[in-house]
PDB file of N, CA and C in Angstrom:
ATOM      1  N   MET A   1      32.682  39.476  60.272  1.00  0.00           N
ATOM      2  CA  MET A   1      32.314  38.299  59.830  1.00  0.00           C
ATOM      3  C   MET A   1      33.596  37.783  59.117  1.00  0.00           C
ATOM      4  N   GLU A   2      34.143  36.610  59.592  1.00  0.00           N
ATOM      5  CA  GLU A   2      35.271  35.964  59.021  1.00  0.00           C
ATOM      6  C   GLU A   2      34.821  35.403  57.582  1.00  0.00           C
ATOM      7  N   PRO A   3      35.534  35.234  56.728  1.00  0.00           N
ATOM      8  CA  PRO A   3      35.226  34.719  55.172  1.00  0.00           C
ATOM      9  C   PRO A   3      35.140  33.128  55.359  1.00  0.00           C
ATOM     10  N   LEU A   4      34.164  32.589  54.790  1.00  0.00           N
ATOM     11  CA  LEU A   4      33.993  31.214  54.830  1.00  0.00           C
ATOM     12  C   LEU A   4      35.097  30.486  54.128  1.00  0.00           C
ATOM     13  N   GLU A   5      35.586  29.673  54.721  1.00  0.00           N
ATOM     14  CA  GLU A   5      36.677  28.783  53.904  1.00  0.00           C
ATOM     15  C   GLU A   5      36.189  27.398  53.666  1.00  0.00           C
ATOM     16  N   LEU A   6      36.201  27.134  52.345  1.00  0.00           N
ATOM     17  CA  LEU A   6      35.864  25.694  51.979  1.00  0.00           C
ATOM     18  C   LEU A   6      36.991  24.665  52.205  1.00  0.00           C
ATOM     19  N   PRO A   7      36.537  23.433  52.856  1.00  0.00           N
ATOM     20  CA  PRO A   7      37.591  22.420  52.851  1.00  0.00           C
ATOM     21  C   PRO A   7      38.374  21.836  51.674  1.00  0.00           C
ATOM     22  N   VAL A   8      39.541  21.895  51.572  1.00  0.00           N
ATOM     23  CA  VAL A   8      40.216  21.283  50.409  1.00  0.00           C
ATOM     24  C   VAL A   8      39.952  19.691  50.347  1.00  0.00           C
ATOM     25  N   ALA A   9      38.975  19.466  49.673  1.00  0.00           N
ATOM     26  CA  ALA A   9      38.521  18.169  49.344  1.00  0.00           C
ATOM     27  C   ALA A   9      37.761  17.943  48.238  1.00  0.00           C
ATOM     28  N   CYS A  10      38.168  16.841  47.541  1.00  0.00           N
ATOM     29  CA  CYS A  10      37.124  16.360  46.484  1.00  0.00           C
ATOM     30  C   CYS A  10      36.273  15.354  46.710  1.00  0.00           C
ATOM     31  N   SER A  11      34.902  15.604  46.339  1.00  0.00           N
ATOM     32  CA  SER A  11      33.742  14.569  46.620  1.00  0.00           C
ATOM     33  C   SER A  11      33.696  13.374  45.681  1.00  0.00           C
ATOM     34  N   LEU A  12      34.646  13.274  44.764  1.00  0.00           N
ATOM     35  CA  LEU A  12      34.747  12.221  43.897  1.00  0.00           C
ATOM     36  C   LEU A  12      35.310  10.743  44.642  1.00  0.00           C
ATOM     37  N   THR A  13      34.968   9.731  44.197  1.00  0.00           N
ATOM     38  CA  THR A  13      35.501   8.553  44.602  1.00  0.00           C
ATOM     39  C   THR A  13      36.822   8.277  43.999  1.00  0.00           C
ATOM     40  N   ALA A  14      37.749   7.405  44.371  1.00  0.00           N
ATOM     41  CA  ALA A  14      39.137   7.243  43.873  1.00  0.00           C
ATOM     42  C   ALA A  14      38.812   6.734  42.386  1.00  0.00           C
ATOM     43  N   ALA A  15      37.868   5.865  42.103  1.00  0.00           N
ATOM     44  CA  ALA A  15      37.567   5.495  40.834  1.00  0.00           C
ATOM     45  C   ALA A  15      37.109   6.522  39.918  1.00  0.00           C
ATOM     46  N   GLU A  16      36.238   7.517  40.330  1.00  0.00           N
ATOM     47  CA  GLU A  16      35.703   8.632  39.792  1.00  0.00           C
ATOM     48  C   GLU A  16      36.835   9.784  39.440  1.00  0.00           C
ATOM     49  N   GLN A  17      37.824   9.760  40.402  1.00  0.00           N
ATOM     50  CA  GLN A  17      38.880  10.737  40.205  1.00  0.00           C
ATOM     51  C   GLN A  17      39.751  10.367  38.998  1.00  0.00           C
ATOM     52  N   GLY A  18      40.051   8.865  38.841  1.00  0.00           N
ATOM     53  CA  GLY A  18      40.685   8.331  37.767  1.00  0.00           C
ATOM     54  C   GLY A  18      40.169   8.394  36.521  1.00  0.00           C
ATOM     55  N   GLU A  19      38.746   8.333  36.316  1.00  0.00           N
ATOM     56  CA  GLU A  19      38.018   8.783  35.181  1.00  0.00           C
ATOM     57  C   GLU A  19      38.157  10.246  34.811  1.00  0.00           C
ATOM     58  N   ARG A  20      37.859  10.967  35.587  1.00  0.00           N
ATOM     59  CA  ARG A  20      38.150  12.615  35.460  1.00  0.00           C
ATOM     60  C   ARG A  20      39.480  12.837  34.913  1.00  0.00           C
ATOM     61  N   ALA A  21      40.571  12.314  35.643  1.00  0.00           N
ATOM     62  CA  ALA A  21      41.785  12.471  35.195  1.00  0.00           C
ATOM     63  C   ALA A  21      42.139  12.073  33.707  1.00  0.00           C
ATOM     64  N   GLU A  22      41.593  11.128  33.326  1.00  0.00           N
ATOM     65  CA  GLU A  22      41.686  10.533  31.974  1.00  0.00           C
ATOM     66  C   GLU A  22      40.892  11.560  31.160  1.00  0.00           C
ATOM     67  N   GLU A  23      39.767  11.885  31.169  1.00  0.00           N
ATOM     68  CA  GLU A  23      39.172  12.806  30.611  1.00  0.00           C
ATOM     69  C   GLU A  23      40.010  14.214  30.297  1.00  0.00           C
ATOM     70  N   PHE A  24      40.731  14.667  31.388  1.00  0.00           N
ATOM     71  CA  PHE A  24      41.688  15.823  31.151  1.00  0.00           C
ATOM     72  C   PHE A  24      42.769  15.458  30.167  1.00  0.00           C
ATOM     73  N   ARG A  25      43.441  14.106  30.582  1.00  0.00           N
ATOM     74  CA  ARG A  25      44.480  13.779  29.761  1.00  0.00           C
ATOM     75  C   ARG A  25      43.969  13.533  28.283  1.00  0.00           C
ATOM     76  N   ALA A  26      42.869  13.006  27.894  1.00  0.00           N
ATOM     77  CA  ALA A  26      42.462  13.016  26.591  1.00  0.00           C
ATOM     78  C   ALA A  26      42.073  14.349  25.897  1.00  0.00           C
ATOM     79  N   LEU A  27      41.651  15.237  26.803  1.00  0.00           N
ATOM     80  CA  LEU A  27      41.371  16.595  26.179  1.00  0.00           C
ATOM     81  C   LEU A  27      42.767  17.244  25.802  1.00  0.00           C
ATOM     82  N   ALA A  28      43.545  17.041  26.707  1.00  0.00           N
ATOM     83  CA  ALA A  28      45.168  17.480  26.550  1.00  0.00           C
ATOM     84  C   ALA A  28      45.633  17.020  25.141  1.00  0.00           C
ATOM     85  N   ARG A  29      45.648  15.675  25.051  1.00  0.00           N
ATOM     86  CA  ARG A  29      46.116  14.855  23.860  1.00  0.00           C
ATOM     87  C   ARG A  29      45.631  15.697  22.658  1.00  0.00           C
ATOM     88  N   ARG A  30      44.247  16.048  22.653  1.00  0.00           N
ATOM     89  CA  ARG A  30      43.819  16.208  21.476  1.00  0.00           C
ATOM     90  C   ARG A  30      43.967  17.937  21.282  1.00  0.00           C
ATOM     91  N   SER A  31      43.684  18.640  22.365  1.00  0.00           N
ATOM     92  CA  SER A  31      43.752  20.086  22.020  1.00  0.00           C
ATOM     93  C   SER A  31      44.500  21.109  22.864  1.00  0.00           C
ATOM     94  N   LEU A  32      45.378  20.397  23.738  1.00  0.00           N
ATOM     95  CA  LEU A  32      46.190  21.560  24.486  1.00  0.00           C
ATOM     96  C   LEU A  32      47.352  22.065  23.743  1.00  0.00           C
ATOM     97  N   ILE A  33      47.359  23.431  23.825  1.00  0.00           N
ATOM     98  CA  ILE A  33      48.345  24.248  23.077  1.00  0.00           C
ATOM     99  C   ILE A  33      49.390  25.099  24.052  1.00  0.00           C
ATOM    100  N   ALA A  34      49.009  25.047  25.379  1.00  0.00           N
ATOM    101  CA  ALA A  34      49.907  25.762  26.228  1.00  0.00           C
ATOM    102  C   ALA A  34      49.387  25.560  27.749  1.00  0.00           C
ATOM    103  N   ARG A  35      50.190  25.659  28.719  1.00  0.00           N
ATOM    104  CA  ARG A  35      50.011  25.661  30.015  1.00  0.00           C
ATOM    105  C   ARG A  35      50.855  26.504  30.762  1.00  0.00           C
ATOM    106  N   SER A  36      50.339  27.122  31.931  1.00  0.00           N
ATOM    107  CA  SER A  36      51.204  27.856  32.717  1.00  0.00           C
ATOM    108  C   SER A  36      50.775  27.751  34.202  1.00  0.00           C
ATOM    109  N   ARG A  37      51.840  27.703  34.969  1.00  0.00           N
ATOM    110  CA  ARG A  37      51.822  27.569  36.519  1.00  0.00           C
ATOM    111  C   ARG A  37      52.159  28.834  37.178  1.00  0.00           C
ATOM    112  N   GLU A  38      51.395  29.363  37.881  1.00  0.00           N
ATOM    113  CA  GLU A  38      51.657  30.583  38.501  1.00  0.00           C
ATOM    114  C   GLU A  38      51.312  30.420  40.135  1.00  0.00           C
ATOM    115  N   PRO A  39      51.757  31.184  41.053  1.00  0.00           N
ATOM    116  CA  PRO A  39      51.293  30.969  42.360  1.00  0.00           C
ATOM    117  C   PRO A  39      49.915  31.016  42.446  1.00  0.00           C
ATOM    118  N   GLY A  40      49.073  29.993  42.885  1.00  0.00           N
ATOM    119  CA  GLY A  40      47.814  29.951  43.198  1.00  0.00           C
ATOM    120  C   GLY A  40      46.866  29.912  41.844  1.00  0.00           C
ATOM    121  N   ARG A  41      47.489  29.465  40.801  1.00  0.00           N
ATOM    122  CA  ARG A  41      46.837  29.396  39.613  1.00  0.00           C
ATOM    123  C   ARG A  41      47.430  28.573  38.528  1.00  0.00           C
ATOM    124  N   VAL A  42      46.682  27.711  37.891  1.00  0.00           N
ATOM    125  CA  VAL A  42      47.112  27.093  36.711  1.00  0.00           C
ATOM    126  C   VAL A  42      46.339  27.269  35.495  1.00  0.00           C
ATOM    127  N   VAL A  43      46.730  27.706  34.295  1.00  0.00           N
ATOM    128  CA  VAL A  43      46.050  28.033  33.229  1.00  0.00           C
ATOM    129  C   VAL A  43      46.317  27.047  32.066  1.00  0.00           C
ATOM    130  N   LEU A  44      45.260  26.420  31.555  1.00  0.00           N
ATOM    131  CA  LEU A  44      45.450  25.338  30.377  1.00  0.00           C
ATOM    132  C   LEU A  44      44.786  25.974  29.344  1.00  0.00           C
ATOM    133  N   THR A  45      45.432  26.100  28.002  1.00  0.00           N
ATOM    134  CA  THR A  45      44.755  26.498  26.842  1.00  0.00           C
ATOM    135  C   THR A  45      45.001  25.683  25.888  1.00  0.00           C
ATOM    136  N   PHE A  46      43.717  25.444  25.420  1.00  0.00           N
ATOM    137  CA  PHE A  46      43.241  24.524  24.295  1.00  0.00           C
ATOM    138  C   PHE A  46      42.839  25.183  22.995  1.00  0.00           C
ATOM    139  N   ARG A  47      43.029  24.605  21.853  1.00  0.00           N
ATOM    140  CA  ARG A  47      42.655  24.993  20.467  1.00  0.00           C
ATOM    141  C   ARG A  47      41.010  25.215  20.684  1.00  0.00           C
ATOM    142  N   ALA A  48      40.630  26.057  19.831  1.00  0.00           N
ATOM    143  CA  ALA A  48      39.161  26.471  19.490  1.00  0.00           C
ATOM    144  C   ALA A  48      38.546  25.066  19.214  1.00  0.00           C
ATOM    145  N   GLY A  49      37.269  25.006  19.454  1.00  0.00           N
ATOM    146  CA  GLY A  49      36.437  23.872  18.971  1.00  0.00           C
ATOM    147  C   GLY A  49      36.254  22.920  20.275  1.00  0.00           C
ATOM    148  N   VAL A  50      36.766  23.117  21.337  1.00  0.00           N
ATOM    149  CA  VAL A  50      36.473  22.234  22.375  1.00  0.00           C
ATOM    150  C   VAL A  50      35.992  22.952  23.645  1.00  0.00           C
ATOM    151  N   GLU A  51      35.444  24.237  23.235  1.00  0.00           N
ATOM    152  CA  GLU A  51      34.818  25.028  24.542  1.00  0.00           C
ATOM    153  C   GLU A  51      33.702  24.292  25.064  1.00  0.00           C
ATOM    154  N   GLU A  52      32.880  23.533  24.441  1.00  0.00           N
ATOM    155  CA  GLU A  52      31.743  22.804  25.457  1.00  0.00           C
ATOM    156  C   GLU A  52      32.491  21.712  26.226  1.00  0.00           C
ATOM    157  N   GLN A  53      33.405  21.060  25.843  1.00  0.00           N
ATOM    158  CA  GLN A  53      34.022  20.060  26.600  1.00  0.00           C
ATOM    159  C   GLN A  53      34.595  20.647  27.921  1.00  0.00           C
ATOM    160  N   VAL A  54      35.287  21.781  27.512  1.00  0.00           N
ATOM    161  CA  VAL A  54      35.914  22.380  28.775  1.00  0.00           C
ATOM    162  C   VAL A  54      35.156  23.078  29.779  1.00  0.00           C
ATOM    163  N   GLU A  55      34.165  23.646  28.987  1.00  0.00           N
ATOM    164  CA  GLU A  55      32.840  24.197  30.011  1.00  0.00           C
ATOM    165  C   GLU A  55      32.343  23.130  30.963  1.00  0.00           C
ATOM    166  N   ASP A  56      31.972  21.906  30.409  1.00  0.00           N
ATOM    167  CA  ASP A  56      31.432  20.826  30.936  1.00  0.00           C
ATOM    168  C   ASP A  56      32.435  20.332  32.124  1.00  0.00           C
ATOM    169  N   LEU A  57      33.810  20.092  31.713  1.00  0.00           N
ATOM    170  CA  LEU A  57      34.653  19.555  32.692  1.00  0.00           C
ATOM    171  C   LEU A  57      34.783  20.708  33.928  1.00  0.00           C
ATOM    172  N   ALA A  58      34.862  22.134  33.632  1.00  0.00           N
ATOM    173  CA  ALA A  58      34.882  22.971  34.683  1.00  0.00           C
ATOM    174  C   ALA A  58      33.657  22.950  35.520  1.00  0.00           C
ATOM    175  N   ARG A  59      32.404  22.814  34.951  1.00  0.00           N
ATOM    176  CA  ARG A  59      31.154  22.646  35.508  1.00  0.00           C
ATOM    177  C   ARG A  59      31.216  21.636  36.529  1.00  0.00           C
ATOM    178  N   ARG A  60      31.747  20.429  36.095  1.00  0.00           N
ATOM    179  CA  ARG A  60      31.696  19.302  37.050  1.00  0.00           C
ATOM    180  C   ARG A  60      32.704  19.325  38.084  1.00  0.00           C
ATOM    181  N   GLU A  61      33.996  20.130  37.821  1.00  0.00           N
ATOM    182  CA  GLU A  61      34.947  20.400  38.726  1.00  0.00           C
ATOM    183  C   GLU A  61      34.338  21.182  39.956  1.00  0.00           C
ATOM    184  N   ARG A  62      33.684  22.150  39.298  1.00  0.00           N
ATOM    185  CA  ARG A  62      33.144  23.073  40.613  1.00  0.00           C
ATOM    186  C   ARG A  62      32.149  22.408  41.548  1.00  0.00           C
ATOM    187  N   GLU A  63      31.632  21.187  41.174  1.00  0.00           N
ATOM    188  CA  GLU A  63      30.723  20.463  41.674  1.00  0.00           C
ATOM    189  C   GLU A  63      31.310  19.702  42.756  1.00  0.00           C
ATOM    190  N   CYS A  64      32.374  18.971  42.629  1.00  0.00           N
ATOM    191  CA  CYS A  64      33.245  18.070  43.253  1.00  0.00           C
ATOM    192  C   CYS A  64      34.387  18.621  44.025  1.00  0.00           C
ATOM    193  N   CYS A  65      34.708  19.834  43.669  1.00  0.00           N
ATOM    194  CA  CYS A  65      35.858  20.574  44.334  1.00  0.00           C
ATOM    195  C   CYS A  65      35.499  22.094  44.270  1.00  0.00           C
ATOM    196  N   PRO A  66      34.599  22.457  45.338  1.00  0.00           N
ATOM    197  CA  PRO A  66      34.208  23.632  45.547  1.00  0.00           C
ATOM    198  C   PRO A  66      35.219  24.800  45.925  1.00  0.00           C
ATOM    199  N   PHE A  67      36.354  24.323  46.311  1.00  0.00           N
ATOM    200  CA  PHE A  67      37.421  25.003  46.889  1.00  0.00           C
ATOM    201  C   PHE A  67      38.186  25.758  45.565  1.00  0.00           C
ATOM    202  N   LEU A  68      37.774  25.136  44.373  1.00  0.00           N
ATOM    203  CA  LEU A  68      38.603  25.498  43.376  1.00  0.00           C
ATOM    204  C   LEU A  68      37.837  26.766  42.604  1.00  0.00           C
ATOM    205  N   GLU A  69      38.685  27.597  42.029  1.00  0.00           N
ATOM    206  CA  GLU A  69      37.956  28.893  41.243  1.00  0.00           C
ATOM    207  C   GLU A  69      38.358  28.595  39.929  1.00  0.00           C
ATOM    208  N   LEU A  70      37.222  28.371  39.201  1.00  0.00           N
ATOM    209  CA  LEU A  70      37.471  27.974  37.723  1.00  0.00           C
ATOM    210  C   LEU A  70      36.871  28.898  36.944  1.00  0.00           C
ATOM    211  N   SER A  71      37.605  29.397  35.727  1.00  0.00           N
ATOM    212  CA  SER A  71      37.016  30.307  34.813  1.00  0.00           C
ATOM    213  C   SER A  71      37.456  30.034  33.391  1.00  0.00           C
ATOM    214  N   ILE A  72      36.699  30.304  32.512  1.00  0.00           N
ATOM    215  CA  ILE A  72      36.996  30.069  31.248  1.00  0.00           C
ATOM    216  C   ILE A  72      37.207  31.350  30.218  1.00  0.00           C
ATOM    217  N   GLU A  73      38.088  31.453  29.601  1.00  0.00           N
ATOM    218  CA  GLU A  73      38.408  32.504  28.710  1.00  0.00           C
ATOM    219  C   GLU A  73      38.426  32.352  27.238  1.00  0.00           C
ATOM    220  N   ARG A  74      37.610  32.684  26.382  1.00  0.00           N
ATOM    221  CA  ARG A  74      37.462  32.334  25.031  1.00  0.00           C
ATOM    222  C   ARG A  74      38.298  33.447  24.142  1.00  0.00           C
ATOM    223  N   GLY A  75      39.261  32.865  23.257  1.00  0.00           N
ATOM    224  CA  GLY A  75      39.759  33.703  22.355  1.00  0.00           C
ATOM    225  C   GLY A  75      39.307  33.347  20.902  1.00  0.00           C
ATOM    226  N   GLY A  76      39.893  34.053  20.005  1.00  0.00           N
ATOM    227  CA  GLY A  76      39.657  33.830  18.614  1.00  0.00           C
ATOM    228  C   GLY A  76      40.057  32.405  18.085  1.00  0.00           C
ATOM    229  N   ASP A  77      41.064  31.883  18.549  1.00  0.00           N
ATOM    230  CA  ASP A  77      41.717  30.524  18.082  1.00  0.00           C
ATOM    231  C   ASP A  77      41.904  29.625  19.479  1.00  0.00           C
ATOM    232  N   SER A  78      41.476  29.936  20.451  1.00  0.00           N
ATOM    233  CA  SER A  78      41.672  29.140  21.671  1.00  0.00           C
ATOM    234  C   SER A  78      40.544  29.448  22.647  1.00  0.00           C
ATOM    235  N   VAL A  79      40.775  28.483  23.720  1.00  0.00           N
ATOM    236  CA  VAL A  79      39.914  28.431  25.029  1.00  0.00           C
ATOM    237  C   VAL A  79      40.573  28.176  26.393  1.00  0.00           C
ATOM    238  N   ALA A  80      40.794  29.040  27.129  1.00  0.00           N
ATOM    239  CA  ALA A  80      41.544  28.829  28.278  1.00  0.00           C
ATOM    240  C   ALA A  80      40.817  28.633  29.626  1.00  0.00           C
ATOM    241  N   LEU A  81      41.220  27.535  30.228  1.00  0.00           N
ATOM    242  CA  LEU A  81      40.696  27.202  31.626  1.00  0.00           C
ATOM    243  C   LEU A  81      41.526  27.682  32.651  1.00  0.00           C
ATOM    244  N   ALA A  82      41.198  28.528  33.459  1.00  0.00           N
ATOM    245  CA  ALA A  82      42.147  28.927  34.545  1.00  0.00           C
ATOM    246  C   ALA A  82      41.617  28.329  35.808  1.00  0.00           C
ATOM    247  N   ILE A  83      42.350  27.681  36.637  1.00  0.00           N
ATOM    248  CA  ILE A  83      42.034  27.178  37.872  1.00  0.00           C
ATOM    249  C   ILE A  83      42.942  27.698  38.850  1.00  0.00           C
ATOM    250  N   GLY A  84      42.159  28.277  40.020  1.00  0.00           N
ATOM    251  CA  GLY A  84      42.796  28.884  41.004  1.00  0.00           C
ATOM    252  C   GLY A  84      42.432  28.376  42.309  1.00  0.00           C
ATOM    253  N   ALA A  85      43.099  28.449  43.252  1.00  0.00           N
ATOM    254  CA  ALA A  85      43.002  27.948  44.607  1.00  0.00           C
ATOM    255  C   ALA A  85      43.966  28.531  45.548  1.00  0.00           C
ATOM    256  N   GLY A  86      43.671  28.685  46.922  1.00  0.00           N
ATOM    257  CA  GLY A  86      44.398  29.213  48.038  1.00  0.00           C
ATOM    258  C   GLY A  86      45.682  28.429  47.944  1.00  0.00           C
ATOM    259  N   ALA A  87      46.732  29.013  48.973  1.00  0.00           N
ATOM    260  CA  ALA A  87      47.998  28.364  49.164  1.00  0.00           C
ATOM    261  C   ALA A  87      47.716  26.765  49.813  1.00  0.00           C
ATOM    262  N   ASP A  88      46.794  26.700  50.247  1.00  0.00           N
ATOM    263  CA  ASP A  88      46.600  25.423  51.032  1.00  0.00           C
ATOM    264  C   ASP A  88      46.265  24.347  50.018  1.00  0.00           C
ATOM    265  N   ALA A  89      46.045  24.711  48.729  1.00  0.00           N
ATOM    266  CA  ALA A  89      45.328  23.626  47.832  1.00  0.00           C
ATOM    267  C   ALA A  89      46.446  23.740  46.497  1.00  0.00           C
ATOM    268  N   ASP A  90      47.820  24.227  46.891  1.00  0.00           N
ATOM    269  CA  ASP A  90      48.807  24.178  45.735  1.00  0.00           C
ATOM    270  C   ASP A  90      48.911  22.727  45.306  1.00  0.00           C
ATOM    271  N   ALA A  91      48.711  21.696  46.053  1.00  0.00           N
ATOM    272  CA  ALA A  91      48.915  20.041  45.475  1.00  0.00           C
ATOM    273  C   ALA A  91      47.702  19.838  44.499  1.00  0.00           C
ATOM    274  N   ALA A  92      46.585  20.296  44.491  1.00  0.00           N
ATOM    275  CA  ALA A  92      45.428  20.163  43.808  1.00  0.00           C
ATOM    276  C   ALA A  92      45.886  20.673  42.448  1.00  0.00           C
ATOM    277  N   LEU A  93      46.350  22.138  42.517  1.00  0.00           N
ATOM    278  CA  LEU A  93      46.827  22.732  41.194  1.00  0.00           C
ATOM    279  C   LEU A  93      47.774  21.978  40.516  1.00  0.00           C
ATOM    280  N   ASP A  94      49.041  21.365  41.341  1.00  0.00           N
ATOM    281  CA  ASP A  94      50.015  20.600  40.498  1.00  0.00           C
ATOM    282  C   ASP A  94      49.395  19.450  40.000  1.00  0.00           C
ATOM    283  N   VAL A  95      48.311  18.678  40.340  1.00  0.00           N
ATOM    284  CA  VAL A  95      47.645  17.829  39.727  1.00  0.00           C
ATOM    285  C   VAL A  95      47.316  17.993  38.277  1.00  0.00           C
ATOM    286  N   PHE A  96      46.642  19.250  38.230  1.00  0.00           N
ATOM    287  CA  PHE A  96      46.006  19.675  37.032  1.00  0.00           C
ATOM    288  C   PHE A  96      47.142  20.021  35.896  1.00  0.00           C
ATOM    289  N   TYR A  97      48.333  20.501  36.382  1.00  0.00           N
ATOM    290  CA  TYR A  97      49.397  20.959  35.605  1.00  0.00           C
ATOM    291  C   TYR A  97      49.997  19.686  35.305  1.00  0.00           C
ATOM    292  N   GLU A  98      50.024  18.587  36.044  1.00  0.00           N
ATOM    293  CA  GLU A  98      50.658  17.595  35.678  1.00  0.00           C
ATOM    294  C   GLU A  98      50.067  16.765  34.683  1.00  0.00           C
ATOM    295  N   LEU A  99      48.701  16.610  34.856  1.00  0.00           N
ATOM    296  CA  LEU A  99      47.721  16.003  34.029  1.00  0.00           C
ATOM    297  C   LEU A  99      47.811  16.526  32.794  1.00  0.00           C
ATOM    298  N   ALA A 100      47.948  17.891  32.391  1.00  0.00           N
ATOM    299  CA  ALA A 100      48.090  18.328  31.167  1.00  0.00           C
ATOM    300  C   ALA A 100      49.277  17.975  30.394  1.00  0.00           C
ATOM    301  N   GLU A 101      50.203  17.804  31.375  1.00  0.00           N
ATOM    302  CA  GLU A 101      51.529  17.510  30.791  1.00  0.00           C
ATOM    303  C   GLU A 101      51.642  15.891  30.230  1.00  0.00           C
ATOM    304  N   GLU A 102      50.839  15.202  31.101  1.00  0.00           N
ATOM    305  CA  GLU A 102      50.949  13.740  30.786  1.00  0.00           C
ATOM    306  C   GLU A 102      49.938  13.397  29.597  1.00  0.00           C
ATOM    307  N   GLY A 103      48.864  14.219  29.329  1.00  0.00           N
ATOM    308  CA  GLY A 103      48.104  14.228  28.104  1.00  0.00           C
ATOM    309  C   GLY A 103      48.798  14.588  26.916  1.00  0.00           C
ATOM    310  N   ALA A 104      49.623  15.388  27.065  1.00  0.00           N
ATOM    311  CA  ALA A 104      50.440  16.030  25.921  1.00  0.00           C
ATOM    312  C   ALA A 104      51.390  15.355  25.458  1.00  0.00           C
ATOM    313  N   GLN A 105      51.888  14.104  26.143  1.00  0.00           N
ATOM    314  CA  GLN A 105      53.039  13.407  25.730  1.00  0.00           C
ATOM    315  C   GLN A 105      52.622  12.897  24.171  1.00  0.00           C
ATOM    316  N   PRO A 106      53.684  12.418  23.575  1.00  0.00           N
ATOM    317  CA  PRO A 106      53.729  12.109  22.162  1.00  0.00           C
ATOM    318  C   PRO A 106      52.721  10.905  22.185  1.00  0.00           C
ATOM    319  N   ASP A 107      51.888  10.774  21.064  1.00  0.00           N
ATOM    320  CA  ASP A 107      51.037   9.698  20.854  1.00  0.00           C
ATOM    321  C   ASP A 107      51.725   8.475  20.356  1.00  0.00           C
ATOM    322  N   ARG A 108      51.336   7.484  21.066  1.00  0.00           N
ATOM    323  CA  ARG A 108      52.257   6.269  20.749  1.00  0.00           C
ATOM    324  C   ARG A 108      52.059   5.617  19.366  1.00  0.00           C
ATOM    325  N   HIS A 109      50.863   6.027  18.844  1.00  0.00           N
ATOM    326  CA  HIS A 109      50.530   5.525  17.436  1.00  0.00           C
ATOM    327  C   HIS A 109      50.982   6.160  16.295  1.00  0.00           C
ATOM    328  N   SER A 110      50.980   7.561  16.475  1.00  0.00           N
ATOM    329  CA  SER A 110      51.606   8.487  15.523  1.00  0.00           C
ATOM    330  C   SER A 110      52.903   9.061  15.776  1.00  0.00           C
ATOM    331  N   GLY A 111      53.344   9.028  17.013  1.00  0.00           N
ATOM    332  CA  GLY A 111      54.662   9.680  17.497  1.00  0.00           C
ATOM    333  C   GLY A 111      54.581  11.094  17.489  1.00  0.00           C
ATOM    334  N   GLU A 112      53.184  11.784  17.209  1.00  0.00           N
ATOM    335  CA  GLU A 112      53.368  13.163  16.973  1.00  0.00           C
ATOM    336  C   GLU A 112      53.627  13.918  18.510  1.00  0.00           C
ATOM    337  N   HIS A 113      54.173  14.879  18.606  1.00  0.00           N
ATOM    338  CA  HIS A 113      54.430  15.529  19.791  1.00  0.00           C
ATOM    339  C   HIS A 113      53.421  16.932  19.805  1.00  0.00           C
ATOM    340  N   ARG A 114      53.126  17.355  21.054  1.00  0.00           N
ATOM    341  CA  ARG A 114      52.282  18.243  21.171  1.00  0.00           C
ATOM    342  C   ARG A 114      53.210  19.486  21.738  1.00  0.00           C
ATOM    343  N   THR A 115      53.036  20.718  21.350  1.00  0.00           N
ATOM    344  CA  THR A 115      53.734  21.732  21.977  1.00  0.00           C
ATOM    345  C   THR A 115      53.042  22.450  23.000  1.00  0.00           C
ATOM    346  N   ILE A 116      53.640  22.395  24.222  1.00  0.00           N
ATOM    347  CA  ILE A 116      53.063  23.157  25.359  1.00  0.00           C
ATOM    348  C   ILE A 116      53.961  24.007  26.153  1.00  0.00           C
ATOM    349  N   GLY A 117      53.543  24.973  26.626  1.00  0.00           N
ATOM    350  CA  GLY A 117      54.413  25.858  27.372  1.00  0.00           C
ATOM    351  C   GLY A 117      54.688  25.520  28.729  1.00  0.00           C
TER     352      GLY A 117
END
C-alpha cells in the first residue's frame, strides 16, 4: 500500500492567512530568540512564558495545513516550534522562516532589536 500524500494547501481564506501571519509576527516580536532553516524543516525558538500561545498556534496550523508536521520542544528557558514538510512544501516553510524574521525586526517605537539566528 502506498503512503497517503496530503495536498500542499491551506484551508484558510486570504484574510484568515493574513491574520494568522500577523499572529506569528507579533509572537516573534515579543519572544523570538532564534530561528533555523534546514532542508525540510524550520525551527523557531521563543523565550519561555509563551508555551500556551505556541501550542495554540501549532494546533490551529495542524487544522488548516495538515501537510505540515509541527512539534513543540520545551527547554528550561525556551520553547521551540519545529515545522516540517516534504520537499514539495519548501515554499510553505520559507513563509514561516520569513514571518519570524519580519516579526523580529526592530520595534519602531523603542528601536530595540531582537537577536535571531
